[in-house]
């Protein structure tokens, strides 16, 4: 069965490439920012993308169930002002191509997940990752690199990643 995501544009914009596959309960909320989704992307059950500071998801990326991608933070520095009344801080989130984000992971404002990364279930990503890294934990830490084939022959070359720049 095919499920359509709940789209909220508000004052923002959502751009979706070819072949976006979504499951039940997916929310894409542009807020005042822009959400850009590449080609051949899947977003599974009850995942949420909040685009206030801008979000870009590259080609061939897989997002498991209950993932939250949020591109802003609430200010909280001034203890004399309620948190809800303090200014928010926008931080663009960029997710490269051929990325797999495991169930329940959180990707916070300002994060940049490089091409080919794997983010383990329930991990919390804040900041930049290395290409083809495997990250787990809270905060997410590099635990290994995806193996590259022996580059001694032309058949051993890693296939070209799709162009994730739009």
N, C-alpha and C. Protein backbone atom coordinates (compact mmCIF):
# COMPACT_ATOMS: atom_id res chain seq x y z
N UNK A 1 0.84 -1.18 0.00
CA UNK A 1 0.00 0.00 0.00
C UNK A 1 0.89 1.24 0.00
N UNK A 2 0.53 2.23 -0.76
CA UNK A 2 1.29 3.47 -0.87
C UNK A 2 0.70 4.52 0.05
N UNK A 3 1.55 5.17 0.83
CA UNK A 3 1.11 6.21 1.74
C UNK A 3 1.69 7.55 1.28
N UNK A 4 0.89 8.58 1.35
CA UNK A 4 1.35 9.91 1.02
C UNK A 4 1.77 10.63 2.29
N UNK A 5 2.86 11.36 2.25
CA UNK A 5 3.29 12.08 3.45
C UNK A 5 2.37 13.26 3.74
N UNK A 6 2.34 13.68 4.99
CA UNK A 6 1.62 14.90 5.35
C UNK A 6 2.57 16.06 5.05
N UNK A 7 2.18 16.93 4.14
CA UNK A 7 3.01 18.06 3.73
C UNK A 7 2.48 19.33 4.38
N UNK A 8 3.38 20.07 5.03
CA UNK A 8 3.03 21.37 5.61
C UNK A 8 4.01 22.38 5.04
N UNK A 9 3.50 23.31 4.27
CA UNK A 9 4.37 24.29 3.64
C UNK A 9 4.55 25.53 4.50
N UNK A 10 3.49 25.96 5.18
CA UNK A 10 3.46 27.21 5.92
C UNK A 10 4.05 28.32 5.04
N UNK A 11 5.19 28.91 5.41
CA UNK A 11 5.82 29.95 4.60
C UNK A 11 7.05 29.41 3.89
N UNK A 12 7.20 28.10 3.86
CA UNK A 12 8.38 27.47 3.27
C UNK A 12 8.09 26.81 1.94
N UNK A 13 9.02 25.95 1.54
CA UNK A 13 8.93 25.31 0.23
C UNK A 13 9.43 23.87 0.37
N UNK A 14 8.78 22.96 -0.36
CA UNK A 14 9.20 21.56 -0.40
C UNK A 14 9.41 21.16 -1.85
N UNK A 15 10.62 20.64 -2.15
CA UNK A 15 10.93 20.14 -3.49
C UNK A 15 11.25 18.66 -3.37
N UNK A 16 10.56 17.84 -4.17
CA UNK A 16 10.72 16.39 -4.10
C UNK A 16 11.15 15.88 -5.47
N UNK A 17 12.22 15.07 -5.50
CA UNK A 17 12.72 14.48 -6.72
C UNK A 17 11.85 13.30 -7.16
N UNK A 18 12.36 12.55 -8.11
CA UNK A 18 11.65 11.38 -8.62
C UNK A 18 11.71 10.23 -7.62
N UNK A 19 10.60 9.53 -7.50
CA UNK A 19 10.50 8.30 -6.72
C UNK A 19 10.79 8.48 -5.23
N UNK A 20 9.98 9.26 -4.57
CA UNK A 20 10.00 9.34 -3.11
C UNK A 20 9.02 8.29 -2.60
N UNK A 21 9.50 7.40 -1.74
CA UNK A 21 8.66 6.36 -1.16
C UNK A 21 8.48 6.68 0.32
N UNK A 22 7.22 6.78 0.75
CA UNK A 22 6.94 7.08 2.15
C UNK A 22 5.98 6.05 2.72
N UNK A 23 6.03 5.89 4.03
CA UNK A 23 5.13 5.00 4.74
C UNK A 23 4.20 5.84 5.62
N UNK A 24 3.40 5.17 6.40
CA UNK A 24 2.37 5.80 7.21
C UNK A 24 2.95 6.81 8.21
N UNK A 25 2.30 7.96 8.34
CA UNK A 25 2.63 8.93 9.38
C UNK A 25 3.80 9.84 9.11
N UNK A 26 4.36 9.84 7.89
CA UNK A 26 5.49 10.71 7.58
C UNK A 26 5.02 12.16 7.50
N UNK A 27 5.78 13.07 8.13
CA UNK A 27 5.47 14.50 8.09
C UNK A 27 6.66 15.26 7.52
N UNK A 28 6.41 16.04 6.49
CA UNK A 28 7.40 16.96 5.92
C UNK A 28 6.87 18.36 6.17
N UNK A 29 7.48 19.08 7.10
CA UNK A 29 6.99 20.40 7.51
C UNK A 29 8.06 21.44 7.19
N UNK A 30 7.86 22.21 6.12
CA UNK A 30 8.86 23.19 5.68
C UNK A 30 8.98 24.36 6.64
N UNK A 31 7.94 24.66 7.38
CA UNK A 31 7.90 25.81 8.26
C UNK A 31 8.27 27.06 7.45
N UNK A 32 9.32 27.79 7.80
CA UNK A 32 9.70 28.96 7.01
C UNK A 32 10.92 28.67 6.14
N UNK A 33 11.34 27.41 6.08
CA UNK A 33 12.54 27.04 5.33
C UNK A 33 12.22 26.26 4.07
N UNK A 34 13.20 25.48 3.65
CA UNK A 34 13.06 24.71 2.42
C UNK A 34 13.52 23.28 2.68
N UNK A 35 12.70 22.32 2.26
CA UNK A 35 13.07 20.91 2.30
C UNK A 35 13.29 20.46 0.86
N UNK A 36 14.49 19.93 0.59
CA UNK A 36 14.83 19.41 -0.75
C UNK A 36 15.11 17.92 -0.62
N UNK A 37 14.37 17.11 -1.38
CA UNK A 37 14.54 15.66 -1.32
C UNK A 37 14.93 15.18 -2.70
N UNK A 38 16.02 14.43 -2.78
CA UNK A 38 16.54 13.93 -4.05
C UNK A 38 15.72 12.78 -4.61
N UNK A 39 16.31 12.07 -5.56
CA UNK A 39 15.67 10.95 -6.24
C UNK A 39 15.87 9.66 -5.47
N UNK A 40 14.90 8.75 -5.60
CA UNK A 40 14.98 7.40 -5.01
C UNK A 40 15.23 7.43 -3.51
N UNK A 41 14.48 8.25 -2.82
CA UNK A 41 14.59 8.38 -1.36
C UNK A 41 13.41 7.65 -0.72
N UNK A 42 13.66 6.97 0.41
CA UNK A 42 12.55 6.37 1.16
C UNK A 42 12.55 6.92 2.58
N UNK A 43 11.36 7.22 3.06
CA UNK A 43 11.16 7.72 4.42
C UNK A 43 10.09 6.84 5.04
N UNK A 44 10.44 6.15 6.13
CA UNK A 44 9.54 5.16 6.70
C UNK A 44 8.68 5.70 7.83
N UNK A 45 7.86 4.81 8.37
CA UNK A 45 6.77 5.15 9.28
C UNK A 45 7.14 6.17 10.36
N UNK A 46 6.29 7.18 10.47
CA UNK A 46 6.30 8.17 11.54
C UNK A 46 7.59 8.96 11.66
N UNK A 47 8.28 9.13 10.55
CA UNK A 47 9.46 10.01 10.55
C UNK A 47 9.02 11.43 10.26
N UNK A 48 9.78 12.39 10.81
CA UNK A 48 9.41 13.81 10.72
C UNK A 48 10.61 14.61 10.25
N UNK A 49 10.38 15.49 9.29
CA UNK A 49 11.41 16.41 8.80
C UNK A 49 10.89 17.83 9.03
N UNK A 50 11.61 18.61 9.86
CA UNK A 50 11.23 20.00 10.14
C UNK A 50 12.25 20.91 9.47
N UNK A 51 11.80 21.69 8.50
CA UNK A 51 12.70 22.42 7.63
C UNK A 51 12.91 23.88 7.91
N UNK A 52 12.68 24.34 9.11
CA UNK A 52 12.78 25.76 9.43
C UNK A 52 14.12 26.37 9.00
N UNK A 53 15.22 25.65 9.22
CA UNK A 53 16.54 26.14 8.84
C UNK A 53 17.04 25.60 7.52
N UNK A 54 16.24 24.77 6.87
CA UNK A 54 16.60 24.16 5.59
C UNK A 54 17.11 22.74 5.76
N UNK A 55 16.60 21.84 4.91
CA UNK A 55 17.02 20.43 4.92
C UNK A 55 17.19 19.98 3.48
N UNK A 56 18.32 19.30 3.22
CA UNK A 56 18.54 18.68 1.91
C UNK A 56 18.88 17.22 2.13
N UNK A 57 18.15 16.34 1.42
CA UNK A 57 18.36 14.89 1.51
C UNK A 57 18.78 14.42 0.13
N UNK A 58 19.95 13.78 0.04
CA UNK A 58 20.52 13.37 -1.24
C UNK A 58 19.88 12.13 -1.84
N UNK A 59 20.24 11.85 -3.07
CA UNK A 59 19.72 10.71 -3.84
C UNK A 59 20.05 9.38 -3.16
N UNK A 60 19.10 8.45 -3.24
CA UNK A 60 19.34 7.10 -2.77
C UNK A 60 19.41 6.94 -1.27
N UNK A 61 18.95 7.91 -0.52
CA UNK A 61 19.01 7.85 0.94
C UNK A 61 17.82 7.09 1.49
N UNK A 62 18.07 6.33 2.56
CA UNK A 62 17.05 5.55 3.23
C UNK A 62 16.91 6.05 4.66
N UNK A 63 15.68 6.38 5.03
CA UNK A 63 15.40 6.88 6.38
C UNK A 63 14.41 5.92 7.02
N UNK A 64 14.82 5.29 8.12
CA UNK A 64 14.00 4.29 8.79
C UNK A 64 12.88 4.95 9.59
N UNK A 65 12.10 4.13 10.28
CA UNK A 65 10.95 4.60 11.04
C UNK A 65 11.37 5.44 12.25
N UNK A 66 10.52 6.39 12.59
CA UNK A 66 10.64 7.22 13.80
C UNK A 66 11.91 8.08 13.83
N UNK A 67 12.42 8.45 12.68
CA UNK A 67 13.57 9.36 12.60
C UNK A 67 13.05 10.79 12.65
N UNK A 68 13.77 11.67 13.35
CA UNK A 68 13.43 13.09 13.39
C UNK A 68 14.62 13.88 12.88
N UNK A 69 14.36 14.73 11.88
CA UNK A 69 15.37 15.62 11.32
C UNK A 69 14.88 17.03 11.59
N UNK A 70 15.65 17.79 12.37
CA UNK A 70 15.18 19.11 12.80
C UNK A 70 16.28 20.14 12.54
N UNK A 71 15.92 21.21 11.83
CA UNK A 71 16.93 22.19 11.38
C UNK A 71 16.86 23.51 12.15
N UNK A 72 16.48 23.44 13.40
CA UNK A 72 16.51 24.63 14.26
C UNK A 72 16.59 24.18 15.71
N UNK A 73 17.00 25.11 16.57
CA UNK A 73 17.06 24.85 18.01
C UNK A 73 16.39 26.00 18.75
N UNK A 74 15.88 25.72 19.89
CA UNK A 74 15.34 26.78 20.75
C UNK A 74 16.47 27.40 21.55
N UNK A 75 16.45 28.72 21.67
CA UNK A 75 17.38 29.39 22.56
C UNK A 75 16.96 29.14 24.00
N UNK A 76 17.92 29.11 24.90
CA UNK A 76 17.60 28.87 26.32
C UNK A 76 18.59 29.58 27.25
N UNK A 77 19.48 30.40 26.68
CA UNK A 77 20.56 30.99 27.46
C UNK A 77 20.09 31.93 28.57
N UNK A 78 19.05 32.71 28.31
CA UNK A 78 18.59 33.71 29.28
C UNK A 78 17.55 33.09 30.21
N UNK A 79 17.96 32.78 31.42
CA UNK A 79 17.08 32.12 32.38
C UNK A 79 15.95 33.02 32.86
N UNK A 80 16.01 34.32 32.55
CA UNK A 80 14.94 35.23 32.98
C UNK A 80 13.80 35.28 31.96
N UNK A 81 14.00 34.62 30.81
CA UNK A 81 12.99 34.61 29.75
C UNK A 81 12.56 33.16 29.52
N UNK A 82 11.26 32.95 29.39
CA UNK A 82 10.78 31.60 29.11
C UNK A 82 11.42 31.09 27.83
N UNK A 83 11.75 29.81 27.80
CA UNK A 83 12.38 29.22 26.62
C UNK A 83 11.52 29.46 25.38
N UNK A 84 10.22 29.32 25.51
CA UNK A 84 9.33 29.50 24.36
C UNK A 84 9.38 30.92 23.80
N UNK A 85 9.83 31.87 24.59
CA UNK A 85 9.90 33.27 24.15
C UNK A 85 11.29 33.68 23.66
N UNK A 86 12.24 32.79 23.72
CA UNK A 86 13.59 33.11 23.25
C UNK A 86 13.71 32.80 21.77
N UNK A 87 14.62 33.49 21.09
CA UNK A 87 14.75 33.28 19.65
C UNK A 87 15.24 31.88 19.31
N UNK A 88 14.80 31.39 18.15
CA UNK A 88 15.31 30.11 17.68
C UNK A 88 16.58 30.34 16.87
N UNK A 89 17.37 29.28 16.74
CA UNK A 89 18.59 29.31 15.95
C UNK A 89 18.43 28.31 14.81
N UNK A 90 18.44 28.82 13.58
CA UNK A 90 18.32 27.94 12.42
C UNK A 90 19.68 27.35 12.07
N UNK A 91 19.67 26.11 11.62
CA UNK A 91 20.89 25.44 11.21
C UNK A 91 20.59 24.42 10.12
N UNK A 92 21.01 24.70 8.90
CA UNK A 92 20.72 23.83 7.75
C UNK A 92 21.25 22.42 7.99
N UNK A 93 20.45 21.44 7.62
CA UNK A 93 20.83 20.03 7.70
C UNK A 93 21.04 19.53 6.28
N UNK A 94 22.22 18.93 6.03
CA UNK A 94 22.52 18.35 4.72
C UNK A 94 22.81 16.87 4.91
N UNK A 95 22.05 16.05 4.20
CA UNK A 95 22.24 14.60 4.23
C UNK A 95 22.64 14.18 2.82
N UNK A 96 23.79 13.58 2.68
CA UNK A 96 24.32 13.21 1.37
C UNK A 96 23.55 12.07 0.71
N UNK A 97 24.12 11.56 -0.37
CA UNK A 97 23.53 10.44 -1.10
C UNK A 97 23.97 9.11 -0.52
N UNK A 98 23.17 8.07 -0.77
CA UNK A 98 23.46 6.71 -0.33
C UNK A 98 23.70 6.65 1.17
N UNK A 99 22.84 7.33 1.93
CA UNK A 99 22.92 7.34 3.39
C UNK A 99 21.79 6.47 3.94
N UNK A 100 22.06 5.77 5.02
CA UNK A 100 21.03 5.00 5.71
C UNK A 100 20.98 5.51 7.14
N UNK A 101 19.80 6.02 7.54
CA UNK A 101 19.59 6.52 8.90
C UNK A 101 18.68 5.53 9.61
N UNK A 102 19.18 4.91 10.68
CA UNK A 102 18.47 3.86 11.39
C UNK A 102 17.29 4.36 12.21
N UNK A 103 16.44 3.43 12.59
CA UNK A 103 15.20 3.72 13.30
C UNK A 103 15.44 4.53 14.56
N UNK A 104 14.64 5.55 14.75
CA UNK A 104 14.66 6.35 15.97
C UNK A 104 15.80 7.35 16.07
N UNK A 105 16.62 7.46 15.03
CA UNK A 105 17.74 8.40 15.08
C UNK A 105 17.23 9.84 15.04
N UNK A 106 18.03 10.74 15.58
CA UNK A 106 17.73 12.17 15.55
C UNK A 106 18.88 12.88 14.85
N UNK A 107 18.54 13.76 13.92
CA UNK A 107 19.54 14.56 13.22
C UNK A 107 19.24 16.01 13.57
N UNK A 108 20.16 16.66 14.27
CA UNK A 108 19.92 17.99 14.82
C UNK A 108 20.44 19.11 13.92
N UNK A 109 20.00 20.31 14.22
CA UNK A 109 20.33 21.51 13.44
C UNK A 109 21.83 21.63 13.19
N UNK A 110 22.16 22.00 11.96
CA UNK A 110 23.55 22.22 11.59
C UNK A 110 24.31 20.97 11.22
N UNK A 111 23.67 19.83 11.21
CA UNK A 111 24.36 18.58 10.89
C UNK A 111 24.60 18.43 9.40
N UNK A 112 25.70 17.75 9.08
CA UNK A 112 26.05 17.45 7.70
C UNK A 112 26.48 16.00 7.65
N UNK A 113 25.60 15.14 7.15
CA UNK A 113 25.90 13.71 7.04
C UNK A 113 26.44 13.47 5.64
N UNK A 114 27.69 13.02 5.57
CA UNK A 114 28.39 12.85 4.30
C UNK A 114 27.84 11.66 3.50
N UNK A 115 28.15 11.63 2.21
CA UNK A 115 27.76 10.54 1.32
C UNK A 115 28.17 9.19 1.90
N UNK A 116 27.28 8.20 1.74
CA UNK A 116 27.61 6.83 2.07
C UNK A 116 27.60 6.47 3.54
N UNK A 117 27.16 7.36 4.41
CA UNK A 117 27.18 7.08 5.85
C UNK A 117 26.03 6.17 6.28
N UNK A 118 26.27 5.48 7.38
CA UNK A 118 25.24 4.72 8.08
C UNK A 118 25.14 5.31 9.47
N UNK A 119 23.92 5.65 9.87
CA UNK A 119 23.66 6.19 11.21
C UNK A 119 22.86 5.14 11.97
N UNK A 120 23.39 4.63 13.06
CA UNK A 120 22.75 3.55 13.81
C UNK A 120 21.45 3.96 14.46
N UNK A 121 20.63 2.97 14.74
CA UNK A 121 19.34 3.20 15.38
C UNK A 121 19.51 3.97 16.69
N UNK A 122 18.63 4.90 16.93
CA UNK A 122 18.58 5.72 18.15
C UNK A 122 19.79 6.62 18.36
N UNK A 123 20.60 6.82 17.34
CA UNK A 123 21.74 7.72 17.45
C UNK A 123 21.28 9.16 17.36
N UNK A 124 22.11 10.07 17.91
CA UNK A 124 21.84 11.50 17.84
C UNK A 124 23.01 12.16 17.13
N UNK A 125 22.74 12.73 15.94
CA UNK A 125 23.78 13.35 15.13
C UNK A 125 23.72 14.86 15.30
N UNK A 126 24.88 15.44 15.64
CA UNK A 126 25.03 16.90 15.74
C UNK A 126 26.41 17.22 15.19
N UNK A 127 26.47 17.88 14.04
CA UNK A 127 27.76 18.20 13.43
C UNK A 127 27.98 17.44 12.15
N UNK A 128 29.24 17.33 11.75
CA UNK A 128 29.60 16.73 10.46
C UNK A 128 30.11 15.31 10.63
N UNK A 129 29.89 14.49 9.60
CA UNK A 129 30.40 13.12 9.57
C UNK A 129 31.40 12.97 8.43
N UNK A 130 32.15 11.88 8.44
CA UNK A 130 33.08 11.56 7.37
C UNK A 130 32.39 10.67 6.34
N UNK A 131 32.73 10.81 5.06
CA UNK A 131 32.12 9.95 4.04
C UNK A 131 32.32 8.46 4.36
N UNK A 132 31.27 7.68 4.13
CA UNK A 132 31.25 6.23 4.30
C UNK A 132 31.52 5.78 5.73
N UNK A 133 31.27 6.66 6.69
CA UNK A 133 31.44 6.30 8.09
C UNK A 133 30.19 5.64 8.65
N UNK A 134 30.39 4.82 9.67
CA UNK A 134 29.29 4.21 10.41
C UNK A 134 29.31 4.85 11.79
N UNK A 135 28.21 5.48 12.15
CA UNK A 135 28.10 6.25 13.39
C UNK A 135 27.01 5.67 14.28
N UNK A 136 27.29 5.57 15.58
CA UNK A 136 26.30 5.09 16.55
C UNK A 136 26.42 5.89 17.84
N UNK A 137 25.33 5.89 18.60
CA UNK A 137 25.36 6.46 19.94
C UNK A 137 24.79 7.85 20.05
N UNK A 138 24.83 8.34 21.31
CA UNK A 138 24.34 9.66 21.61
C UNK A 138 25.36 10.36 22.51
N UNK A 139 26.17 11.24 21.97
CA UNK A 139 26.19 11.70 20.58
C UNK A 139 26.78 10.64 19.65
N UNK A 140 26.39 10.72 18.39
CA UNK A 140 26.86 9.74 17.40
C UNK A 140 28.38 9.86 17.24
N UNK A 141 29.04 8.70 17.27
CA UNK A 141 30.50 8.64 17.10
C UNK A 141 30.85 7.65 16.00
N UNK A 142 31.92 7.95 15.29
CA UNK A 142 32.41 7.06 14.25
C UNK A 142 32.93 5.77 14.88
N UNK A 143 32.39 4.62 14.45
CA UNK A 143 32.86 3.34 14.98
C UNK A 143 33.61 2.53 13.93
N UNK A 144 33.34 2.80 12.66
CA UNK A 144 34.09 2.14 11.59
C UNK A 144 33.76 2.82 10.27
N UNK A 145 34.48 2.42 9.25
CA UNK A 145 34.23 2.91 7.89
C UNK A 145 33.68 1.76 7.08
N UNK A 146 32.75 2.07 6.18
CA UNK A 146 32.27 1.05 5.26
C UNK A 146 33.45 0.60 4.40
N UNK A 147 33.57 -0.68 4.19
CA UNK A 147 34.74 -1.19 3.47
C UNK A 147 34.67 -0.85 1.99
N UNK A 148 35.80 -0.47 1.48
CA UNK A 148 35.95 -0.21 0.06
C UNK A 148 36.63 -1.43 -0.55
N UNK A 149 36.24 -1.81 -1.76
CA UNK A 149 36.90 -2.96 -2.39
C UNK A 149 38.36 -2.64 -2.69
N UNK A 150 39.15 -3.69 -2.84
CA UNK A 150 40.55 -3.54 -3.24
C UNK A 150 40.58 -2.84 -4.58
N UNK A 151 41.31 -1.74 -4.67
CA UNK A 151 41.29 -0.91 -5.88
C UNK A 151 42.39 -1.32 -6.86
N UNK A 152 42.59 -2.62 -7.03
CA UNK A 152 43.65 -3.07 -7.93
C UNK A 152 43.17 -3.25 -9.36
N UNK A 153 41.89 -3.28 -9.59
CA UNK A 153 41.39 -3.46 -10.95
C UNK A 153 40.18 -2.61 -11.21
N UNK A 154 39.82 -2.42 -12.48
CA UNK A 154 38.68 -1.56 -12.79
C UNK A 154 37.37 -2.10 -12.25
N UNK A 155 37.23 -3.42 -12.12
CA UNK A 155 35.99 -3.99 -11.59
C UNK A 155 35.85 -3.76 -10.09
N UNK A 156 36.94 -3.36 -9.44
CA UNK A 156 36.92 -3.15 -7.99
C UNK A 156 36.60 -1.72 -7.60
N UNK A 157 36.37 -0.86 -8.56
CA UNK A 157 36.11 0.54 -8.25
C UNK A 157 34.72 0.70 -7.65
N UNK A 158 34.59 1.61 -6.67
CA UNK A 158 33.29 1.90 -6.08
C UNK A 158 32.43 2.58 -7.14
N UNK A 159 31.17 2.16 -7.28
CA UNK A 159 30.31 2.82 -8.26
C UNK A 159 30.16 4.30 -7.95
N UNK A 160 30.01 5.09 -8.97
CA UNK A 160 29.84 6.54 -8.84
C UNK A 160 28.54 6.82 -8.09
N UNK A 161 28.62 7.68 -7.08
CA UNK A 161 27.41 8.09 -6.38
C UNK A 161 26.61 9.01 -7.29
N UNK A 162 25.30 8.95 -7.18
CA UNK A 162 24.49 9.89 -7.96
C UNK A 162 24.80 11.31 -7.54
N UNK A 163 24.59 12.24 -8.44
CA UNK A 163 24.83 13.64 -8.14
C UNK A 163 23.83 14.10 -7.08
N UNK A 164 24.35 14.45 -5.90
CA UNK A 164 23.47 14.88 -4.81
C UNK A 164 23.34 16.40 -4.76
N UNK A 165 24.05 17.08 -5.60
CA UNK A 165 23.95 18.54 -5.66
C UNK A 165 22.81 18.90 -6.59
N UNK A 166 22.00 19.83 -6.18
CA UNK A 166 20.86 20.22 -7.02
C UNK A 166 20.95 21.68 -7.32
